[in-house]
Amino acid sequence: MSSHPVAPAWSTTQWFNSSPLSLEVLAGRPVALFAFQMLCPGCVTHCLPQAKRLAALFAGTDLAVVGLHTVFEHHDAMTPVALKAFLHEYRIGFPVGVDEPGRPGPIPVTMERYGMRGTPTAILIDRAGRLREQAFGAVDDLLLGAAVARLIDERVSPG
């Protein structure tokens, strides 16, 4: 019996570089989810380049690298139109979902479900859809790579 909780569902309003994704669509695959804001310095300098490297390094596997644009500040500046240009300029090719805005507050729905403290946040979900790791801020490349490799090597146990 696992002590890891089931990862909460994502609530998105739009997708870039992909048809709409969900944990159900990605069932059976390990997932590396990177929550970011395009005006977040740590996201631009560390998180997104790291996600790109991870996607390239594990391209021959079934790892799903997914971005989640989760805006909790500067809402008027970080629109889907601006995000589309940002993804093009920074050559982000992996799927990116737009987190559903929070109502009535500023915290987006998926961000709230995961209890994120801010951006960047890296989240690892195993093949069984369980939340395995969640880290706020910069994550060391070697530690992230090792954790992802372990998830890829794991097989879902029957039942």
Protein backbone atom coordinates (compact mmCIF):
# COMPACT_ATOMS: atom_id res chain seq x y z
CA MET A 1 0.00 0.00 0.00
CA SER A 2 1.41 3.39 -1.03
CA SER A 3 1.65 6.38 1.25
CA HIS A 4 1.71 8.73 -1.73
CA PRO A 5 -1.54 10.65 -2.33
CA VAL A 6 -3.30 10.63 -5.66
CA ALA A 7 -2.29 13.71 -7.64
CA PRO A 8 -5.11 16.26 -7.89
CA ALA A 9 -6.74 16.85 -11.27
CA TRP A 10 -5.57 19.80 -13.36
CA SER A 11 -8.07 22.51 -14.22
CA THR A 12 -6.97 24.35 -17.36
CA THR A 13 -8.59 26.81 -19.76
CA GLN A 14 -6.28 26.44 -22.76
CA TRP A 15 -3.37 24.36 -24.08
CA PHE A 16 -0.36 25.20 -26.22
CA ASN A 17 1.79 22.70 -28.16
CA SER A 18 -0.76 19.92 -27.50
CA SER A 19 -4.36 18.91 -27.45
CA PRO A 20 -5.84 19.21 -23.93
CA LEU A 21 -4.04 17.00 -21.42
CA SER A 22 -5.14 15.58 -18.10
CA LEU A 23 -3.85 12.97 -15.69
CA GLU A 24 -6.41 10.58 -17.21
CA VAL A 25 -4.98 11.15 -20.70
CA LEU A 26 -1.45 10.56 -19.34
CA ALA A 27 -2.42 7.54 -17.20
CA GLY A 28 0.36 4.96 -16.99
CA ARG A 29 3.09 7.49 -17.79
CA PRO A 30 5.38 9.30 -15.37
CA VAL A 31 4.78 13.06 -15.44
CA ALA A 32 7.08 15.99 -14.69
CA LEU A 33 4.87 19.06 -14.24
CA PHE A 34 6.51 22.49 -14.09
CA ALA A 35 4.34 25.31 -12.74
CA PHE A 36 5.60 28.70 -13.88
CA GLN A 37 4.76 32.31 -14.67
CA MET A 38 6.37 33.99 -17.66
CA LEU A 39 7.26 37.07 -15.56
CA CYS A 40 8.88 35.00 -12.79
CA PRO A 41 12.69 35.40 -12.93
CA GLY A 42 13.36 31.95 -11.39
CA CYS A 43 11.04 30.36 -13.93
CA VAL A 44 12.75 32.01 -16.90
CA THR A 45 16.33 31.43 -15.73
CA HIS A 46 16.02 28.01 -14.11
CA CYS A 47 12.70 26.16 -14.31
CA LEU A 48 11.89 26.41 -18.00
CA PRO A 49 15.44 25.72 -19.24
CA GLN A 50 15.52 22.74 -16.86
CA ALA A 51 12.18 21.46 -18.20
CA LYS A 52 13.51 21.78 -21.77
CA ARG A 53 16.66 19.83 -20.84
CA LEU A 54 14.59 17.15 -19.11
CA ALA A 55 12.31 16.79 -22.14
CA ALA A 56 15.33 16.45 -24.45
CA LEU A 57 17.23 14.05 -22.17
CA PHE A 58 14.26 11.71 -21.68
CA ALA A 59 12.79 12.08 -25.20
CA GLY A 60 13.23 8.35 -25.87
CA THR A 61 11.08 7.40 -22.87
CA ASP A 62 7.41 7.74 -22.02
CA LEU A 63 8.03 10.63 -19.59
CA ALA A 64 5.51 13.44 -20.09
CA VAL A 65 7.04 16.87 -19.49
CA VAL A 66 4.23 19.39 -19.03
CA GLY A 67 4.19 23.09 -18.22
CA LEU A 68 1.44 24.79 -16.23
CA HIS A 69 1.20 28.56 -16.57
CA THR A 70 -0.23 29.37 -13.16
CA VAL A 71 -0.74 33.11 -12.79
CA PHE A 72 -1.33 34.52 -9.31
CA GLU A 73 -0.07 38.08 -9.91
CA HIS A 74 0.14 40.58 -12.78
CA HIS A 75 -2.92 38.97 -14.37
CA ASP A 76 -3.40 41.71 -16.98
CA ALA A 77 0.14 41.23 -18.33
CA MET A 78 0.23 37.42 -18.45
CA THR A 79 -2.56 36.64 -20.87
CA PRO A 80 -2.77 33.61 -23.17
CA VAL A 81 -1.86 35.90 -26.12
CA ALA A 82 1.33 37.00 -24.34
CA LEU A 83 2.02 33.39 -23.30
CA LYS A 84 1.80 32.20 -26.92
CA ALA A 85 4.46 34.74 -27.94
CA PHE A 86 6.58 33.86 -24.88
CA LEU A 87 6.51 30.12 -25.70
CA HIS A 88 7.53 30.87 -29.28
CA GLU A 89 10.36 33.24 -28.30
CA TYR A 90 11.77 30.87 -25.67
CA ARG A 91 11.27 27.84 -27.95
CA ILE A 92 9.17 25.92 -25.43
CA GLY A 93 7.95 22.88 -27.36
CA PHE A 94 6.46 20.72 -24.63
CA PRO A 95 2.74 20.96 -23.76
CA VAL A 96 1.73 23.96 -21.64
CA GLY A 97 -1.65 24.35 -20.00
CA VAL A 98 -3.10 27.57 -18.63
CA ASP A 99 -4.24 27.11 -15.03
CA GLU A 100 -7.87 28.11 -14.50
CA PRO A 101 -8.11 31.48 -12.71
CA GLY A 102 -9.20 31.33 -9.10
CA ARG A 103 -12.56 32.70 -8.09
CA PRO A 104 -12.95 34.86 -6.16
CA GLY A 105 -9.26 35.12 -5.21
CA PRO A 106 -6.06 35.41 -7.25
CA ILE A 107 -4.81 31.83 -6.69
CA PRO A 108 -5.46 29.60 -9.75
CA VAL A 109 -7.45 26.39 -9.30
CA THR A 110 -4.69 23.82 -9.90
CA MET A 111 -2.19 25.81 -7.87
CA GLU A 112 -4.63 25.77 -4.96
CA ARG A 113 -5.35 22.03 -5.33
CA TYR A 114 -1.64 21.23 -5.07
CA GLY A 115 -1.04 23.72 -2.26
CA MET A 116 1.77 25.37 -4.23
CA ARG A 117 3.67 28.12 -2.45
CA GLY A 118 4.51 29.95 -5.67
CA THR A 119 6.48 29.55 -8.86
CA PRO A 120 8.52 27.80 -9.98
CA THR A 121 7.20 24.52 -8.64
CA ALA A 122 8.33 21.13 -9.95
CA ILE A 123 5.98 18.19 -9.46
CA LEU A 124 6.60 14.51 -10.19
CA ILE A 125 3.68 12.12 -10.65
CA ASP A 126 4.20 8.37 -10.98
CA ARG A 127 2.63 5.92 -13.43
CA ALA A 128 -0.20 5.21 -10.98
CA GLY A 129 -1.11 8.91 -10.81
CA ARG A 130 0.35 9.44 -7.35
CA LEU A 131 2.08 12.64 -6.27
CA ARG A 132 5.67 11.63 -5.59
CA GLU A 133 7.60 14.89 -5.33
CA GLN A 134 6.74 18.57 -5.13
CA ALA A 135 9.41 21.25 -4.79
CA PHE A 136 9.12 25.03 -4.70
CA GLY A 137 12.03 27.01 -6.14
CA ALA A 138 15.10 25.82 -7.99
CA VAL A 139 15.63 22.06 -8.03
CA ASP A 140 19.08 20.60 -8.60
CA ASP A 141 19.39 19.02 -12.07
CA LEU A 142 21.04 15.84 -10.80
CA LEU A 143 18.45 15.26 -8.08
CA LEU A 144 15.59 15.87 -10.50
CA GLY A 145 17.12 13.64 -13.16
CA ALA A 146 17.66 10.81 -10.68
CA ALA A 147 14.08 11.07 -9.38
CA VAL A 148 12.69 11.07 -12.93
CA ALA A 149 14.84 8.06 -13.89
CA ARG A 150 13.45 6.14 -10.89
CA LEU A 151 9.88 6.96 -11.93
CA ILE A 152 10.54 5.85 -15.50
CA ASP A 153 11.98 2.55 -14.27
CA GLU A 154 9.04 1.81 -11.98
CA ARG A 155 6.21 -0.32 -13.23
CA VAL A 156 2.62 -0.01 -12.07
CA SER A 157 1.76 -2.90 -9.77
CA PRO A 158 -1.42 -4.76 -10.70
CA GLY A 159 -4.55 -3.87 -8.75
